[in-house]
Amino acid sequence: MSLTDKFEHTVQRMKGHTEEGAGKALGDDDLVAHGKADQIAAHAKQAASQAGDAARHVGQRVTKRAMRGLGRLHERLHEDADKR
C-alpha cells in the first residue's frame, strides 16, 4: 500500500469520526450514519489494499521458487547432455 493510499484512508476515517461526532452532538442521525459509512469505507479500502499487497508478495515468492526450480532443471539437463 502506498503512502498516498494510507494518507487518503486515514483522512477518510478521520472525516467519518468527525461527522459521526458532529451528528451525535447535533442529534442528526443522517450525519452519524454518513460518518460511520465513511469509516467503514476507509477500513474496507485499507483491507483491500493490504490484500492486494499480500497477493503481490505471494506472486513474487512463487515466481522466485519457480525460477529456482527451472534453474535446477536447466543445470540437470546440461549435466545429462554432457554425460552423453
Protein backbone atom coordinates (compact mmCIF):
# COMPACT_ATOMS: atom_id res chain seq x y z
CA MET A 1 0.00 0.00 0.00
CA SER A 2 1.43 3.35 -0.98
CA LEU A 3 1.90 6.24 1.38
CA THR A 4 -0.72 8.19 -0.57
CA ASP A 5 -3.26 5.40 -0.07
CA LYS A 6 -2.54 5.27 3.66
CA PHE A 7 -2.97 9.05 3.89
CA GLU A 8 -6.26 9.00 1.96
CA HIS A 9 -7.66 6.18 4.11
CA THR A 10 -6.66 8.00 7.28
CA VAL A 11 -8.25 11.24 6.09
CA GLN A 12 -11.48 9.45 5.16
CA ARG A 13 -11.55 7.65 8.51
CA MET A 14 -10.93 10.93 10.41
CA LYS A 15 -13.64 12.65 8.36
CA GLY A 16 -16.02 9.86 9.31
CA HIS A 17 -15.18 10.18 13.00
CA THR A 18 -15.74 13.93 12.80
CA GLU A 19 -19.08 13.56 11.01
CA GLU A 20 -20.22 10.91 13.46
CA GLY A 21 -19.27 13.08 16.43
CA ALA A 22 -20.93 16.15 14.96
CA GLY A 23 -24.04 14.15 14.16
CA LYS A 24 -24.24 12.86 17.73
CA ALA A 25 -23.71 16.36 19.14
CA LEU A 26 -26.38 17.85 16.85
CA GLY A 27 -28.78 14.93 17.11
CA ASP A 28 -28.52 14.37 13.32
CA ASP A 29 -28.89 10.63 12.72
CA ASP A 30 -28.18 11.02 9.00
CA LEU A 31 -24.83 12.67 9.72
CA VAL A 32 -23.98 9.92 12.23
CA ALA A 33 -24.80 7.27 9.63
CA HIS A 34 -22.78 9.07 6.95
CA GLY A 35 -19.82 9.31 9.31
CA LYS A 36 -19.97 5.63 10.13
CA ALA A 37 -20.26 4.80 6.43
CA ASP A 38 -17.09 6.82 5.72
CA GLN A 39 -15.23 4.96 8.46
CA ILE A 40 -16.35 1.57 7.15
CA ALA A 41 -15.41 2.53 3.59
CA ALA A 42 -11.95 3.64 4.72
CA HIS A 43 -11.39 0.37 6.59
CA ALA A 44 -12.60 -1.64 3.58
CA LYS A 45 -10.27 0.24 1.22
CA GLN A 46 -7.35 -0.30 3.59
CA ALA A 47 -8.11 -4.03 3.85
CA ALA A 48 -8.37 -4.32 0.06
CA SER A 49 -5.02 -2.56 -0.38
CA GLN A 50 -3.41 -4.86 2.17
CA ALA A 51 -4.88 -7.92 0.47
CA GLY A 52 -3.51 -6.72 -2.85
CA ASP A 53 -0.07 -6.24 -1.31
CA ALA A 54 -0.19 -9.73 0.20
CA ALA A 55 -1.22 -11.26 -3.13
CA ARG A 56 1.62 -9.42 -4.88
CA HIS A 57 4.14 -10.75 -2.33
CA VAL A 58 2.83 -14.30 -2.74
CA GLY A 59 3.14 -13.96 -6.51
CA GLN A 60 6.72 -12.76 -6.17
CA ARG A 61 7.60 -15.70 -3.90
CA VAL A 62 6.00 -18.19 -6.29
CA THR A 63 7.91 -16.67 -9.20
CA LYS A 64 11.22 -16.89 -7.32
CA ARG A 65 10.60 -20.54 -6.42
CA ALA A 66 9.63 -21.38 -9.98
CA MET A 67 12.75 -19.67 -11.34
CA ARG A 68 14.97 -21.60 -8.90
CA GLY A 69 13.29 -24.84 -9.93
CA LEU A 70 13.77 -24.04 -13.60
CA GLY A 71 17.41 -23.19 -12.93
CA ARG A 72 17.98 -26.56 -11.26
CA LEU A 73 16.22 -28.35 -14.12
CA HIS A 74 18.34 -26.45 -16.63
CA GLU A 75 21.53 -27.49 -14.82
CA ARG A 76 20.43 -31.14 -14.73
CA LEU A 77 19.65 -31.10 -18.44
CA HIS A 78 23.14 -29.76 -19.17
CA GLU A 79 24.72 -32.35 -16.89
CA ASP A 80 22.83 -35.16 -18.62
CA ALA A 81 23.77 -33.79 -22.04
CA ASP A 82 27.45 -33.64 -21.02
CA LYS A 83 27.36 -37.28 -19.89
CA ARG A 84 26.22 -38.45 -23.33
